[in-house]
């Protein structure tokens, strides 16, 4: 399969099917690079080769807590995983799409060069009417084993000066839809970095102001992720995030799976024993588990 990648500047004067041009993803609350939306509940995420390799070699135990990755893209080469969804296996939805370098007035517009590497991930907001979204940086360390000394110093200082070091979580992005009595509430990563423990707890309590049944579902999913990490010997989720999506306006017919979705995302700095010549680690990822314990304490309060 060949992916048709073109820059926005190359579209001038060309006849293009508008359905082939990817649209910006409206529900992104964190991350450095903008995502775009694909059909059938998928997202196209620009990434570096390391994250592609991580998904290609990901231990089976981690696949339980990560979003489904259907395909990886390196240049014009597309590789689809054996366990990808039906649409990606059968419908070849990546053929003839055009990835614009930028779209004026949209979140795609940035100063970075168009990436040549992408992963196709499941969209956790898919088929939700009004999602509330929370992105929490997980763990007490964010830099990977291959980081430069300058990067290590920068990321370590960032952890020490925020709630990451003491709580194992830091707010990277949050968005709650407007309701009858309140406007939309949004917090970005810079505001999250400035939060102390009390401010973080207050923000999370607002986010988890949901019906008891939904809150119990959140608890069960967080415990399931914690249980996986307790068993994942040698795994270190450096720089990863916990992405939580909750349907704000469920109906009686809303499927359980459409109420709450929680996954670990962003594996560019993560590692496991034997991956890419990284260090070997023993035991569980205590920093990430600290973050989950902190969050469970807030949810169960």
Protein backbone atom coordinates (compact mmCIF):
# COMPACT_ATOMS: atom_id res chain seq x y z
CA UNK A 1 0.00 0.00 0.00
CA UNK A 2 1.27 3.51 -0.81
CA UNK A 3 0.25 6.53 1.23
CA UNK A 4 -0.31 9.73 -0.72
CA UNK A 5 1.36 12.41 1.40
CA UNK A 6 1.26 15.96 0.12
CA UNK A 7 1.96 19.34 1.62
CA UNK A 8 -0.75 21.99 1.73
CA UNK A 9 1.28 24.22 -0.59
CA UNK A 10 1.20 21.50 -3.23
CA UNK A 11 -2.60 21.51 -3.30
CA UNK A 12 -2.86 24.93 -4.97
CA UNK A 13 -4.67 24.59 -8.25
CA UNK A 14 -5.07 20.84 -7.87
CA UNK A 15 -8.34 18.97 -8.08
CA UNK A 16 -8.69 17.18 -4.76
CA UNK A 17 -11.55 15.22 -3.27
CA UNK A 18 -12.27 17.11 -0.05
CA UNK A 19 -13.08 13.81 1.66
CA UNK A 20 -9.46 12.76 1.14
CA UNK A 21 -8.07 15.71 3.11
CA UNK A 22 -7.66 14.94 6.78
CA UNK A 23 -9.48 17.10 9.30
CA UNK A 24 -8.03 18.47 12.55
CA UNK A 25 -8.98 16.50 15.67
CA UNK A 26 -11.24 18.73 17.77
CA UNK A 27 -10.81 16.97 21.12
CA UNK A 28 -7.03 17.09 21.61
CA UNK A 29 -6.11 18.55 25.01
CA UNK A 30 -2.41 17.65 25.30
CA UNK A 31 0.64 16.66 23.32
CA UNK A 32 3.18 18.59 21.24
CA UNK A 33 1.96 17.75 17.76
CA UNK A 34 -1.56 18.11 16.34
CA UNK A 35 -3.57 15.00 15.53
CA UNK A 36 -5.91 14.61 12.58
CA UNK A 37 -9.08 12.54 12.30
CA UNK A 38 -9.56 9.48 10.15
CA UNK A 39 -12.78 7.65 9.40
CA UNK A 40 -14.22 4.89 11.57
CA UNK A 41 -12.91 6.21 14.89
CA UNK A 42 -9.20 6.56 14.18
CA UNK A 43 -6.59 9.25 14.71
CA UNK A 44 -3.42 9.96 12.78
CA UNK A 45 -0.62 10.92 15.15
CA UNK A 46 2.73 12.31 13.97
CA UNK A 47 5.55 10.64 15.89
CA UNK A 48 9.20 9.70 15.83
CA UNK A 49 10.51 6.30 14.77
CA UNK A 50 11.08 5.21 18.35
CA UNK A 51 7.38 5.32 19.14
CA UNK A 52 6.64 3.38 15.95
CA UNK A 53 9.10 0.70 17.04
CA UNK A 54 7.58 0.67 20.53
CA UNK A 55 4.14 -0.12 19.13
CA UNK A 56 5.62 -2.72 16.78
CA UNK A 57 7.43 -4.50 19.64
CA UNK A 58 5.02 -3.70 22.49
CA UNK A 59 4.71 -6.52 25.05
CA UNK A 60 1.32 -8.21 24.99
CA UNK A 61 0.59 -7.18 28.57
CA UNK A 62 0.85 -3.48 27.64
CA UNK A 63 -1.58 -3.80 24.76
CA UNK A 64 -4.34 -4.20 27.35
CA UNK A 65 -3.86 -0.63 28.57
CA UNK A 66 -2.81 1.14 25.33
CA UNK A 67 -5.11 2.41 22.58
CA UNK A 68 -5.41 0.06 19.64
CA UNK A 69 -2.70 0.85 17.09
CA UNK A 70 -3.83 -0.38 13.67
CA UNK A 71 -1.04 0.86 11.41
CA UNK A 72 2.34 2.55 11.34
CA UNK A 73 3.53 4.85 8.56
CA UNK A 74 7.16 5.50 7.67
CA UNK A 75 7.51 7.71 4.63
CA UNK A 76 5.21 6.18 2.02
CA UNK A 77 5.30 2.72 3.58
CA UNK A 78 2.24 1.61 5.54
CA UNK A 79 2.32 -1.45 7.83
CA UNK A 80 -0.93 -2.77 9.27
CA UNK A 81 -0.88 -4.93 12.40
CA UNK A 82 -2.44 -8.39 12.43
CA UNK A 83 -4.65 -7.39 15.37
CA UNK A 84 -5.83 -4.14 13.76
CA UNK A 85 -9.53 -3.38 13.46
CA UNK A 86 -11.71 -4.67 10.62
CA UNK A 87 -11.80 -1.32 8.80
CA UNK A 88 -8.04 -1.06 8.65
CA UNK A 89 -7.62 -4.67 7.53
CA UNK A 90 -10.34 -4.69 4.91
CA UNK A 91 -11.15 -1.16 3.78
CA UNK A 92 -7.64 0.24 3.25
CA UNK A 93 -8.72 3.59 4.63
CA UNK A 94 -5.20 5.00 4.36
CA UNK A 95 -5.11 4.88 0.58
CA UNK A 96 -5.22 8.22 -1.21
CA UNK A 97 -5.55 10.40 1.87
CA UNK A 98 -3.76 13.75 1.83
CA UNK A 99 -1.98 14.99 4.94
CA UNK A 100 -1.89 18.79 4.81
CA UNK A 101 1.11 20.58 6.24
CA UNK A 102 -1.23 23.19 7.65
CA UNK A 103 -4.77 24.46 7.38
CA UNK A 104 -5.24 28.14 8.08
CA UNK A 105 -7.12 28.72 11.31
CA UNK A 106 -6.95 25.09 12.42
CA UNK A 107 -4.92 23.28 15.10
CA UNK A 108 -2.87 21.68 12.32
CA UNK A 109 -1.16 25.01 11.71
CA UNK A 110 2.29 24.94 13.32
CA UNK A 111 5.92 25.68 12.56
CA UNK A 112 7.10 22.08 12.52
CA UNK A 113 7.92 20.30 9.28
CA UNK A 114 5.45 17.72 8.09
CA UNK A 115 6.30 14.46 9.80
CA UNK A 116 7.16 11.40 7.73
CA UNK A 117 6.24 9.02 10.56
CA UNK A 118 2.74 8.41 11.87
CA UNK A 119 0.73 5.91 13.86
CA UNK A 120 -2.97 5.20 13.37
CA UNK A 121 -4.66 4.92 16.77
CA UNK A 122 -8.18 4.36 18.02
CA UNK A 123 -10.00 7.58 18.93
CA UNK A 124 -11.15 7.36 22.56
CA UNK A 125 -13.81 10.02 21.92
CA UNK A 126 -15.39 8.07 19.05
CA UNK A 127 -19.21 8.01 19.17
CA UNK A 128 -19.30 10.15 22.30
CA UNK A 129 -21.78 12.99 22.11
CA UNK A 130 -20.13 15.32 24.62
CA UNK A 131 -16.81 13.98 25.97
CA UNK A 132 -14.98 15.36 28.96
CA UNK A 133 -11.28 14.74 28.48
CA UNK A 134 -8.35 14.57 30.90
CA UNK A 135 -4.67 14.14 30.02
CA UNK A 136 -2.39 13.40 32.98
CA UNK A 137 1.38 13.03 32.65
CA UNK A 138 2.12 9.80 34.48
CA UNK A 139 5.06 8.92 36.70
CA UNK A 140 7.90 10.67 38.49
CA UNK A 141 10.33 10.64 35.56
CA UNK A 142 9.71 11.84 32.01
CA UNK A 143 13.04 11.50 30.16
CA UNK A 144 14.00 8.34 28.33
CA UNK A 145 17.26 6.42 28.51
CA UNK A 146 18.50 7.97 25.26
CA UNK A 147 18.00 11.59 26.37
CA UNK A 148 20.88 14.07 26.26
CA UNK A 149 22.28 15.52 29.48
CA UNK A 150 20.54 18.81 28.74
CA UNK A 151 17.23 17.04 28.21
CA UNK A 152 17.64 15.03 31.40
CA UNK A 153 18.33 18.19 33.40
CA UNK A 154 15.34 19.99 31.87
CA UNK A 155 12.86 17.15 32.38
CA UNK A 156 14.09 16.38 35.88
CA UNK A 157 13.69 20.01 36.90
CA UNK A 158 10.19 20.05 35.43
CA UNK A 159 9.22 17.00 37.47
CA UNK A 160 10.72 18.36 40.67
CA UNK A 161 8.96 21.71 40.32
CA UNK A 162 5.52 20.20 39.66
CA UNK A 163 3.21 17.62 41.20
CA UNK A 164 4.94 14.87 39.18
CA UNK A 165 7.67 14.26 41.77
CA UNK A 166 5.41 13.94 44.83
CA UNK A 167 2.17 12.60 43.32
CA UNK A 168 3.20 10.78 40.15
CA UNK A 169 0.76 12.81 38.04
CA UNK A 170 0.71 16.25 36.45
CA UNK A 171 -2.19 17.82 34.61
CA UNK A 172 -1.35 18.25 30.91
CA UNK A 173 -4.77 19.12 29.59
CA UNK A 174 -8.41 19.06 30.60
CA UNK A 175 -11.67 19.95 28.92
CA UNK A 176 -15.20 19.66 30.27
CA UNK A 177 -18.13 20.54 27.98
CA UNK A 178 -20.43 23.38 28.95
CA UNK A 179 -23.60 22.56 30.85
CA UNK A 180 -26.69 24.57 31.77
CA UNK A 181 -25.03 26.29 34.71
CA UNK A 182 -21.39 26.47 33.61
CA UNK A 183 -19.28 27.40 30.62
CA UNK A 184 -16.77 24.98 29.15
CA UNK A 185 -13.87 24.43 31.53
CA UNK A 186 -10.44 24.03 29.94
CA UNK A 187 -6.95 23.80 31.46
CA UNK A 188 -3.77 23.63 29.38
CA UNK A 189 -0.39 22.09 30.17
CA UNK A 190 1.15 25.37 31.29
CA UNK A 191 -1.59 25.91 33.85
CA UNK A 192 -1.17 22.30 34.90
CA UNK A 193 2.54 22.74 35.53
CA UNK A 194 1.83 25.68 37.83
CA UNK A 195 -0.65 23.75 40.00
CA UNK A 196 0.19 22.72 43.53
CA UNK A 197 -1.30 19.63 45.15
CA UNK A 198 -4.48 21.35 46.34
CA UNK A 199 -5.14 23.04 43.01
CA UNK A 200 -4.65 19.75 41.17
CA UNK A 201 -7.01 17.94 43.52
CA UNK A 202 -9.67 20.62 43.09
CA UNK A 203 -9.43 20.47 39.29
CA UNK A 204 -9.69 16.68 39.29
CA UNK A 205 -12.66 16.74 41.63
CA UNK A 206 -14.41 19.02 39.14
CA UNK A 207 -13.56 16.68 36.30
CA UNK A 208 -14.89 13.66 38.18
CA UNK A 209 -18.15 15.36 39.12
CA UNK A 210 -20.10 12.60 37.40
CA UNK A 211 -22.82 10.10 38.41
CA UNK A 212 -21.81 7.44 40.93
CA UNK A 213 -22.22 4.64 38.40
CA UNK A 214 -19.77 6.35 36.04
CA UNK A 215 -17.32 7.00 38.87
CA UNK A 216 -17.38 3.31 39.82
CA UNK A 217 -16.56 2.44 36.22
CA UNK A 218 -13.62 4.88 36.32
CA UNK A 219 -12.35 3.20 39.48
CA UNK A 220 -12.54 -0.28 37.97
CA UNK A 221 -10.64 0.79 34.87
CA UNK A 222 -7.92 2.54 36.89
CA UNK A 223 -7.51 -0.51 39.11
CA UNK A 224 -7.23 -2.71 36.02
CA UNK A 225 -4.41 -0.52 34.65
CA UNK A 226 -2.66 -0.57 38.02
CA UNK A 227 -2.93 -4.37 38.11
CA UNK A 228 -1.32 -4.61 34.67
CA UNK A 229 1.59 -2.39 35.72
CA UNK A 230 2.05 -4.42 38.89
CA UNK A 231 2.73 -7.44 36.66
CA UNK A 232 4.76 -5.65 33.96
CA UNK A 233 8.29 -6.43 35.15
CA UNK A 234 10.92 -4.12 33.66
CA UNK A 235 8.45 -1.80 31.93
CA UNK A 236 9.02 1.92 32.45
CA UNK A 237 6.46 4.38 31.09
CA UNK A 238 8.78 7.39 31.03
CA UNK A 239 6.92 10.41 29.63
CA UNK A 240 3.66 8.53 29.07
CA UNK A 241 0.24 9.97 29.86
CA UNK A 242 -3.03 8.65 31.19
CA UNK A 243 -5.90 9.70 28.92
CA UNK A 244 -9.38 9.61 30.47
CA UNK A 245 -12.51 10.27 28.44
CA UNK A 246 -16.01 10.34 29.97
CA UNK A 247 -19.34 10.85 28.19
CA UNK A 248 -21.02 13.91 29.73
CA UNK A 249 -24.45 13.35 28.20
CA UNK A 250 -25.19 9.62 28.25
CA UNK A 251 -28.62 8.30 27.38
CA UNK A 252 -30.31 5.10 28.52
CA UNK A 253 -29.18 3.45 25.30
CA UNK A 254 -25.51 4.51 25.60
CA UNK A 255 -23.30 1.37 25.60
CA UNK A 256 -21.12 0.85 28.66
CA UNK A 257 -17.99 1.12 26.50
CA UNK A 258 -19.09 4.59 25.42
CA UNK A 259 -19.32 5.90 28.99
CA UNK A 260 -15.68 5.73 30.12
CA UNK A 261 -12.46 5.02 28.23
CA UNK A 262 -9.06 5.13 29.90
CA UNK A 263 -5.76 4.29 28.23
CA UNK A 264 -2.03 4.94 28.64
CA UNK A 265 -0.71 6.95 25.68
CA UNK A 266 2.51 8.57 24.40
CA UNK A 267 5.27 5.96 24.46
CA UNK A 268 8.09 7.92 22.79
CA UNK A 269 10.30 7.66 25.91
CA UNK A 270 8.91 4.45 27.39
CA UNK A 271 10.88 1.23 27.46
CA UNK A 272 10.89 -2.44 28.41
CA UNK A 273 13.76 -4.85 28.85
CA UNK A 274 15.44 -5.57 25.54
CA UNK A 275 14.04 -2.54 23.71
CA UNK A 276 16.35 -0.39 21.56
CA UNK A 277 19.45 -0.95 23.69
CA UNK A 278 17.91 0.81 26.70
CA UNK A 279 18.79 0.05 30.31
CA UNK A 280 17.38 -3.04 31.99
CA UNK A 281 15.03 -2.44 34.92
CA UNK A 282 13.84 -4.78 37.63
CA UNK A 283 10.37 -4.86 39.11
CA UNK A 284 7.43 -2.59 38.48
CA UNK A 285 7.24 1.07 37.48
CA UNK A 286 6.81 2.62 40.92
CA UNK A 287 6.47 6.16 39.57
CA UNK A 288 3.54 5.33 37.31
CA UNK A 289 1.87 3.23 40.00
CA UNK A 290 2.23 6.15 42.44
CA UNK A 291 0.30 8.30 39.97
CA UNK A 292 -2.48 5.72 39.67
CA UNK A 293 -2.68 5.40 43.45
CA UNK A 294 -2.91 9.18 43.77
CA UNK A 295 -5.71 9.32 41.21
CA UNK A 296 -7.59 6.44 42.80
CA UNK A 297 -7.42 8.24 46.14
CA UNK A 298 -9.09 11.29 44.57
CA UNK A 299 -11.73 9.28 42.73
CA UNK A 300 -12.59 7.20 45.78
CA UNK A 301 -12.72 10.18 48.17
